[in-house]
Amino acid sequence: MCIDDPAVVYRFIPFLLVSGLMASCNPRPSPVEDLPPIDNLVPDPQRMPRPPAETPARVSVRQILCYYRGAKNAPQNIRLTREEARVRTGHILKLARAKGQDFAELAKKYSDDANSSLSGGDLGTIAPGQLHPDLEQAAFSLDTGQVSEVVESPRGFHLLQRVPSGELQAAEIVITYTGAQESGRYKLRTPRMREEARLLSGEIHRRILEGASFFEEAAANSDLFNHPVGGIFPIFKPGSHPPKLEEIITGLDIGEVSAVIETETGFHIVKRLPPQKIQIRQIIIEFQAPGETGQPVKRTRREALARAEQAHRRALEPGSDFAALAAEYSEGPAANRGGLLEPFGRGLRPYKFENAIFALEVGKISGVIDTDTGVFIVKRIW
């Protein structure tokens, strides 16, 4: 068929006219048509990014994410092109940096990240290595309250705002006594009366102020449920612990130890800790103690220690690949990830184990750590 044929051209004129009319009646919607206007906004200088005085170890951030068609993990109903998503994110950026605008509310309304939008885009407190490198660079270059430029990752376009850290961490020693008000959090480990509890708590407090380990004192003496982890509470946000305890914690400086505080449940000593997370690779070698029942492990504790010593020697050799050794030696679900664990803070594992790994410098390998749950070798990632 020849396009120069007038009959062909005339035959398609009605179709072309209708198609053009339909296209003009149904233009592609603007990527910002559902967003508030930005014409009369006043920028807030406090939200403009300027490097912080010093690079923080961790930052708390919120995010707004705009997906585009074909971005990683983008839902199938996303219709924006990459360029349209960039335009949309730029529009939201002007909103987010304007006076009177609430970044969290903008995230709830306009962020495409289902995991964080309901909480106002809250990503929590981030340590190095937890975000895409470009997002990490943006997050750690912000001071509190500032909003980043538009940042692209494989998931789409992001805006980040650094917010004050709302996380707390502390350790507590509780010495209770027979007749004190009962609580599900406490269990009297040694029978004693109130006066004995008062004297014991005073003696513990004196030893701590003279240099004794708070955590070892908690492990040895505290009647609180978390004494096996040195009395340490996992990192938490305000409102998740008894109000009186949180009031005591927030009244302390980082590292400060409270006086002995008496309540109806007993005598309390509290130490405020810096919220800190680390990431490790680990080799765990399991064993079965004598008399243990259940699924058997095909080695004794002595055999597990011998195997761990062999793995440890290899780990210290120049050029050794710890991840490959973990895949070879380690047991448990992390073995197929080269022993890599998700970042975690204190208060989740036995004190002896945590004390050893939190004391490691980044990049260093621990000695062989013998615990009741297995024999460990750990490399600190950050």
Protein backbone atom coordinates (compact mmCIF):
# COMPACT_ATOMS: atom_id res chain seq x y z
CA MET A 1 0.00 0.00 0.00
CA CYS A 2 1.45 3.35 -1.05
CA ILE A 3 1.02 6.27 1.38
CA ASP A 4 1.13 8.61 -1.60
CA ASP A 5 -2.17 7.14 -2.76
CA PRO A 6 -4.83 9.89 -2.17
CA ALA A 7 -7.46 7.22 -1.55
CA VAL A 8 -5.45 5.86 1.36
CA VAL A 9 -4.94 9.31 2.84
CA TYR A 10 -8.64 10.18 2.53
CA ARG A 11 -9.63 6.85 4.06
CA PHE A 12 -7.59 7.56 7.23
CA ILE A 13 -8.50 11.25 7.67
CA PRO A 14 -11.57 10.53 9.87
CA PHE A 15 -9.51 8.17 12.07
CA LEU A 16 -6.70 10.71 12.41
CA LEU A 17 -9.14 13.50 13.23
CA VAL A 18 -10.92 11.43 15.90
CA SER A 19 -7.63 10.21 17.39
CA GLY A 20 -6.28 13.74 17.60
CA LEU A 21 -9.51 14.98 19.14
CA MET A 22 -9.48 12.22 21.74
CA ALA A 23 -5.85 12.94 22.58
CA SER A 24 -6.59 16.62 23.03
CA CYS A 25 -9.61 15.82 25.23
CA ASN A 26 -7.68 13.32 27.39
CA PRO A 27 -4.19 14.77 27.97
CA ARG A 28 -1.81 12.92 30.30
CA PRO A 29 -2.43 14.17 33.84
CA SER A 30 0.17 16.38 35.45
CA PRO A 31 2.38 14.58 38.00
CA VAL A 32 1.69 17.37 40.51
CA GLU A 33 -2.01 17.98 39.99
CA ASP A 34 -2.91 16.46 43.40
CA LEU A 35 -0.27 18.46 45.26
CA PRO A 36 -0.78 21.83 46.98
CA PRO A 37 0.39 24.90 45.03
CA ILE A 38 3.85 26.29 45.74
CA ASP A 39 3.45 29.82 44.33
CA ASN A 40 3.12 31.69 47.62
CA LEU A 41 5.32 29.55 49.88
CA VAL A 42 8.00 31.17 52.00
CA PRO A 43 11.20 29.07 52.25
CA ASP A 44 12.45 28.27 55.75
CA PRO A 45 16.23 28.87 55.93
CA GLN A 46 16.49 26.40 58.82
CA ARG A 47 15.50 23.59 56.46
CA MET A 48 18.18 24.28 53.87
CA PRO A 49 21.01 21.72 54.03
CA ARG A 50 24.29 22.80 55.58
CA PRO A 51 26.87 20.31 56.84
CA PRO A 52 26.68 19.63 60.59
CA ALA A 53 29.51 20.83 62.84
CA GLU A 54 30.74 17.25 63.10
CA THR A 55 29.71 14.04 61.35
CA PRO A 56 27.37 12.12 63.68
CA ALA A 57 27.77 8.42 64.40
CA ARG A 58 24.04 7.88 63.77
CA VAL A 59 21.18 10.03 62.52
CA SER A 60 17.40 9.86 62.82
CA VAL A 61 15.62 10.58 59.54
CA ARG A 62 12.25 10.71 57.83
CA GLN A 63 11.78 10.15 54.11
CA ILE A 64 9.37 10.80 51.26
CA LEU A 65 9.69 8.38 48.32
CA CYS A 66 8.32 8.83 44.82
CA TYR A 67 8.27 5.69 42.70
CA TYR A 68 8.32 5.64 38.92
CA ARG A 69 7.39 2.90 36.50
CA GLY A 70 10.18 0.31 36.45
CA ALA A 71 11.85 1.39 39.71
CA LYS A 72 12.91 -1.38 42.09
CA ASN A 73 9.92 -2.75 44.06
CA ALA A 74 7.57 -0.21 42.49
CA PRO A 75 3.93 -1.47 42.54
CA GLN A 76 2.37 -2.29 39.18
CA ASN A 77 -0.13 0.55 39.52
CA ILE A 78 2.63 3.19 39.37
CA ARG A 79 2.21 5.09 36.09
CA LEU A 80 4.68 7.98 36.48
CA THR A 81 7.67 7.99 34.20
CA ARG A 82 11.11 8.60 35.69
CA GLU A 83 11.06 12.24 34.59
CA GLU A 84 7.53 12.77 35.91
CA ALA A 85 8.56 11.33 39.27
CA ARG A 86 11.53 13.69 39.37
CA VAL A 87 9.22 16.66 38.73
CA ARG A 88 6.81 15.50 41.41
CA THR A 89 9.58 15.07 43.97
CA GLY A 90 10.95 18.52 43.18
CA HIS A 91 7.50 20.01 43.83
CA ILE A 92 7.23 18.20 47.18
CA LEU A 93 10.74 19.43 48.05
CA LYS A 94 9.57 23.03 47.81
CA LEU A 95 6.65 22.19 50.10
CA ALA A 96 8.91 20.40 52.57
CA ARG A 97 11.30 23.35 52.83
CA ALA A 98 8.58 25.97 53.29
CA LYS A 99 7.65 27.62 56.57
CA GLY A 100 4.60 26.10 58.23
CA GLN A 101 4.86 22.78 56.42
CA ASP A 102 5.09 19.50 58.35
CA PHE A 103 7.41 16.95 56.70
CA ALA A 104 5.73 14.07 58.54
CA GLU A 105 2.28 15.07 57.26
CA LEU A 106 3.61 15.41 53.72
CA ALA A 107 5.08 11.90 54.02
CA LYS A 108 1.75 10.49 55.22
CA LYS A 109 -0.07 12.03 52.26
CA TYR A 110 2.39 11.75 49.40
CA SER A 111 5.14 9.20 50.10
CA ASP A 112 4.93 5.96 48.11
CA ASP A 113 6.83 3.98 50.77
CA ALA A 114 4.13 1.89 52.41
CA ASN A 115 6.49 0.78 55.19
CA SER A 116 7.16 4.27 56.53
CA SER A 117 4.44 6.62 55.26
CA LEU A 118 1.94 5.79 58.02
CA SER A 119 4.52 6.83 60.62
CA GLY A 120 5.29 10.10 58.86
CA GLY A 121 8.18 8.64 56.86
CA ASP A 122 10.07 7.62 60.00
CA LEU A 123 13.12 5.47 59.16
CA GLY A 124 14.33 5.42 62.75
CA THR A 125 17.94 5.98 63.72
CA ILE A 126 20.38 5.04 60.98
CA ALA A 127 23.99 3.92 61.29
CA PRO A 128 26.50 3.78 58.42
CA GLY A 129 25.85 0.92 56.02
CA GLN A 130 22.08 0.71 56.49
CA LEU A 131 20.99 2.87 53.52
CA HIS A 132 21.85 3.11 49.84
CA PRO A 133 25.20 4.97 49.65
CA ASP A 134 23.68 8.09 48.05
CA LEU A 135 20.94 8.24 50.68
CA GLU A 136 23.47 7.70 53.45
CA GLN A 137 25.64 10.52 52.16
CA ALA A 138 22.63 12.84 52.09
CA ALA A 139 21.40 11.82 55.55
CA PHE A 140 24.77 12.25 57.27
CA SER A 141 25.35 15.66 55.64
CA LEU A 142 22.21 17.14 57.25
CA ASP A 143 21.84 18.94 60.53
CA THR A 144 18.69 18.54 62.62
CA GLY A 145 15.58 19.88 60.87
CA GLN A 146 17.17 20.22 57.44
CA VAL A 147 15.71 18.69 54.26
CA SER A 148 17.94 17.10 51.62
CA GLU A 149 18.01 17.72 47.90
CA VAL A 150 16.24 15.17 45.71
CA VAL A 151 18.21 11.90 45.89
CA GLU A 152 17.77 9.07 43.40
CA SER A 153 18.18 5.41 44.31
CA PRO A 154 17.13 2.26 42.45
CA ARG A 155 13.76 2.56 44.25
CA GLY A 156 12.96 6.05 42.98
CA PHE A 157 13.39 9.64 44.16
CA HIS A 158 13.78 10.44 47.85
CA LEU A 159 13.64 13.42 50.18
CA LEU A 160 15.16 13.09 53.64
CA GLN A 161 14.74 15.18 56.76
CA ARG A 162 16.99 14.76 59.78
CA VAL A 163 15.02 14.83 63.02
CA PRO A 164 16.04 14.76 66.69
CA SER A 165 16.72 11.27 67.95
CA GLY A 166 13.83 10.05 70.07
CA GLU A 167 15.62 6.90 71.17
CA LEU A 168 16.64 6.10 74.72
CA GLN A 169 18.69 3.36 76.30
CA ALA A 170 19.43 2.60 79.92
CA ALA A 171 20.26 -0.17 82.36
CA GLU A 172 18.57 -0.74 85.71
CA ILE A 173 19.28 -2.66 88.88
CA VAL A 174 16.32 -3.49 91.10
CA ILE A 175 16.69 -4.90 94.61
CA THR A 176 13.27 -5.90 95.86
CA TYR A 177 12.16 -7.63 99.07
CA THR A 178 9.46 -9.80 100.59
CA GLY A 179 6.30 -7.73 100.99
CA ALA A 180 7.14 -5.14 98.32
CA GLN A 181 4.47 -4.40 95.74
CA GLU A 182 4.59 -7.21 93.20
CA SER A 183 5.37 -6.59 89.57
CA GLY A 184 5.69 -8.93 86.63
CA ARG A 185 9.02 -7.25 85.88
CA TYR A 186 10.67 -8.38 89.13
CA LYS A 187 11.35 -11.73 90.72
CA LEU A 188 13.04 -12.00 94.10
CA ARG A 189 16.18 -14.10 93.50
CA THR A 190 17.26 -14.23 97.16
CA PRO A 191 14.78 -13.94 100.07
CA ARG A 192 15.32 -10.69 102.00
CA MET A 193 13.45 -8.09 104.02
CA ARG A 194 13.23 -4.37 103.26
CA GLU A 195 16.16 -3.31 105.45
CA GLU A 196 18.39 -5.96 103.86
CA ALA A 197 17.36 -4.70 100.42
CA ARG A 198 18.13 -1.10 101.40
CA LEU A 199 21.59 -2.02 102.68
CA LEU A 200 22.38 -4.20 99.65
CA SER A 201 21.32 -1.52 97.14
CA GLY A 202 23.45 1.04 98.97
CA GLU A 203 26.47 -1.27 98.88
CA ILE A 204 25.99 -1.96 95.15
CA HIS A 205 25.69 1.76 94.45
CA ARG A 206 28.90 2.47 96.37
CA ARG A 207 30.81 -0.21 94.41
CA ILE A 208 29.58 1.18 91.08
CA LEU A 209 30.67 4.73 91.96
CA GLU A 210 34.08 3.33 92.91
CA GLY A 211 34.50 1.73 89.49
CA ALA A 212 32.70 -1.62 89.58
CA SER A 213 30.85 -2.62 86.39
CA PHE A 214 27.18 -1.62 86.52
CA PHE A 215 26.35 -4.52 84.21
CA GLU A 216 28.19 -7.14 86.22
CA GLU A 217 26.51 -5.90 89.39
CA ALA A 218 23.15 -6.17 87.62
CA ALA A 219 23.89 -9.69 86.40
CA ALA A 220 24.91 -10.80 89.89
CA ASN A 221 22.32 -9.02 92.03
CA SER A 222 19.37 -7.44 90.21
CA ASP A 223 15.88 -8.89 90.67
CA LEU A 224 14.78 -7.38 87.36
CA PHE A 225 13.88 -9.78 84.54
CA ASN A 226 16.77 -8.57 82.37
CA HIS A 227 19.62 -9.33 84.78
CA PRO A 228 21.12 -11.95 82.35
CA VAL A 229 21.88 -9.10 79.91
CA GLY A 230 23.41 -6.87 82.60
CA GLY A 231 20.15 -5.04 83.31
CA ILE A 232 20.26 -3.36 79.89
CA PHE A 233 17.00 -2.42 78.17
CA PRO A 234 17.06 -2.64 74.35
CA ILE A 235 16.94 0.74 72.58
CA PHE A 236 13.42 2.17 72.97
CA LYS A 237 11.30 5.20 72.22
CA PRO A 238 9.62 7.32 74.91
CA GLY A 239 6.27 5.99 76.05
CA SER A 240 7.20 2.31 75.97
CA HIS A 241 8.41 2.04 79.59
CA PRO A 242 6.92 3.07 82.95
CA PRO A 243 6.68 6.89 83.09
CA LYS A 244 8.62 7.12 86.37
CA LEU A 245 11.53 5.15 84.89
CA GLU A 246 11.61 7.30 81.73
CA GLU A 247 11.55 10.43 83.88
CA ILE A 248 14.60 9.17 85.77
CA ILE A 249 16.43 8.25 82.52
CA THR A 250 15.83 11.58 80.80
CA GLY A 251 17.00 13.40 83.91
CA LEU A 252 20.43 11.75 83.64
CA ASP A 253 23.33 12.63 81.36
CA ILE A 254 24.71 9.88 79.11
CA GLY A 255 26.81 7.57 81.30
CA GLU A 256 25.47 9.01 84.56
CA VAL A 257 24.27 6.72 87.37
CA SER A 258 21.29 7.71 89.50
CA ALA A 259 21.12 7.69 93.27
CA VAL A 260 19.37 4.74 94.92
CA ILE A 261 15.66 5.42 94.41
CA GLU A 262 13.08 3.70 96.58
CA THR A 263 9.61 2.93 95.20
CA GLU A 264 6.84 0.63 96.36
CA THR A 265 8.46 -2.18 94.32
CA GLY A 266 11.96 -1.94 95.82
CA PHE A 267 15.24 -0.04 95.44
CA HIS A 268 16.35 1.08 91.98
CA ILE A 269 19.65 2.20 90.44
CA VAL A 270 19.57 3.46 86.85
CA LYS A 271 22.34 4.21 84.35
CA ARG A 272 21.67 6.11 81.13
CA LEU A 273 23.41 4.68 78.06
CA PRO A 274 24.04 6.11 74.57
CA PRO A 275 21.76 4.37 72.03
CA GLN A 276 24.28 2.41 69.98
CA LYS A 277 23.96 -0.25 67.30
CA ILE A 278 26.64 -2.34 65.64
CA GLN A 279 26.76 -4.84 62.81
CA ILE A 280 28.76 -8.06 62.89
CA ARG A 281 29.53 -11.23 61.03
CA GLN A 282 29.62 -14.26 63.27
CA ILE A 283 30.67 -17.87 63.23
CA ILE A 284 28.65 -19.94 65.66
CA ILE A 285 29.52 -23.55 66.38
CA GLU A 286 26.88 -25.43 68.31
CA PHE A 287 27.30 -28.24 70.81
CA GLN A 288 25.13 -30.39 72.99
CA ALA A 289 25.67 -30.33 76.73
CA PRO A 290 25.62 -33.62 78.63
CA GLY A 291 22.06 -34.67 79.44
CA GLU A 292 20.53 -32.24 76.94
CA THR A 293 17.50 -33.59 75.10
CA GLY A 294 15.94 -32.68 71.79
CA GLN A 295 17.53 -32.47 68.37
CA PRO A 296 21.09 -33.76 68.85
CA VAL A 297 24.13 -31.77 67.80
CA LYS A 298 26.92 -34.04 66.65
CA ARG A 299 29.67 -32.65 68.89
CA THR A 300 30.53 -31.99 72.50
CA ARG A 301 31.47 -28.60 73.94
CA ARG A 302 35.15 -29.60 73.78
CA GLU A 303 34.80 -30.56 70.12
CA ALA A 304 33.03 -27.26 69.39
CA LEU A 305 35.84 -25.32 71.04
CA ALA A 306 38.47 -27.23 69.01
CA ARG A 307 36.60 -26.49 65.78
CA ALA A 308 36.27 -22.83 66.76
CA GLU A 309 39.98 -22.54 67.49
CA GLN A 310 40.72 -23.92 64.02
CA ALA A 311 38.35 -21.40 62.41
CA HIS A 312 39.84 -18.59 64.50
CA ARG A 313 43.39 -19.36 63.37
CA ARG A 314 42.28 -19.28 59.76
CA ALA A 315 40.38 -16.02 60.30
CA LEU A 316 43.55 -14.30 61.53
CA GLU A 317 45.63 -15.34 58.53
CA PRO A 318 46.57 -12.49 56.16
CA GLY A 319 44.01 -12.10 53.38
CA SER A 320 41.49 -14.34 55.09
CA ASP A 321 37.86 -13.99 53.98
CA PHE A 322 35.74 -14.04 57.16
CA ALA A 323 32.45 -14.29 55.21
CA ALA A 324 33.70 -17.38 53.38
CA LEU A 325 34.82 -18.93 56.68
CA ALA A 326 31.39 -18.23 58.19
CA ALA A 327 29.75 -19.98 55.25
CA GLU A 328 32.10 -22.94 55.80
CA TYR A 329 32.06 -23.24 59.59
CA SER A 330 29.01 -21.46 60.97
CA GLU A 331 25.67 -22.97 61.87
CA GLY A 332 22.36 -21.17 61.99
CA PRO A 333 20.35 -19.09 59.49
CA ALA A 334 23.04 -16.42 58.94
CA ALA A 335 25.60 -18.93 57.59
CA ASN A 336 24.34 -18.53 54.01
CA ARG A 337 24.86 -14.74 54.34
CA GLY A 338 28.48 -15.12 55.36
CA GLY A 339 27.44 -14.82 59.01
CA LEU A 340 26.11 -11.28 58.50
CA LEU A 341 23.52 -10.18 61.09
CA GLU A 342 21.14 -7.24 61.02
CA PRO A 343 22.35 -4.24 63.06
CA PHE A 344 21.45 -4.53 66.74
CA GLY A 345 21.99 -2.78 70.06
CA ARG A 346 22.76 -3.89 73.58
CA GLY A 347 20.26 -5.66 75.78
CA LEU A 348 19.34 -8.50 73.43
CA ARG A 349 22.02 -11.10 74.19
CA PRO A 350 23.82 -12.42 77.27
CA TYR A 351 26.05 -9.79 78.86
CA LYS A 352 29.25 -11.82 78.44
CA PHE A 353 28.71 -12.02 74.68
CA GLU A 354 27.67 -8.37 74.23
CA ASN A 355 30.52 -7.11 76.39
CA ALA A 356 33.03 -8.87 74.12
CA ILE A 357 31.62 -7.74 70.78
CA PHE A 358 30.80 -4.12 71.70
CA ALA A 359 34.39 -3.72 72.87
CA LEU A 360 35.70 -4.69 69.41
CA GLU A 361 37.05 -2.02 67.09
CA VAL A 362 35.53 -1.86 63.61
CA GLY A 363 37.17 -4.45 61.35
CA LYS A 364 38.63 -6.46 64.25
CA ILE A 365 37.98 -10.14 65.00
CA SER A 366 37.16 -11.38 68.49
CA GLY A 367 38.72 -14.29 70.26
CA VAL A 368 36.75 -17.49 70.71
CA ILE A 369 33.72 -16.66 72.87
CA ASP A 370 32.42 -19.67 74.81
CA THR A 371 28.77 -19.32 75.91
CA ASP A 372 26.02 -21.67 77.01
CA THR A 373 24.34 -21.35 73.62
CA GLY A 374 27.36 -22.03 71.43
CA VAL A 375 30.94 -21.03 70.65
CA PHE A 376 31.31 -17.76 68.70
CA ILE A 377 33.87 -15.87 66.66
CA VAL A 378 32.83 -12.36 65.67
CA LYS A 379 34.06 -9.73 63.21
CA ARG A 380 32.74 -6.22 63.73
CA ILE A 381 31.60 -4.56 60.49
CA TRP A 382 30.72 -1.15 61.97
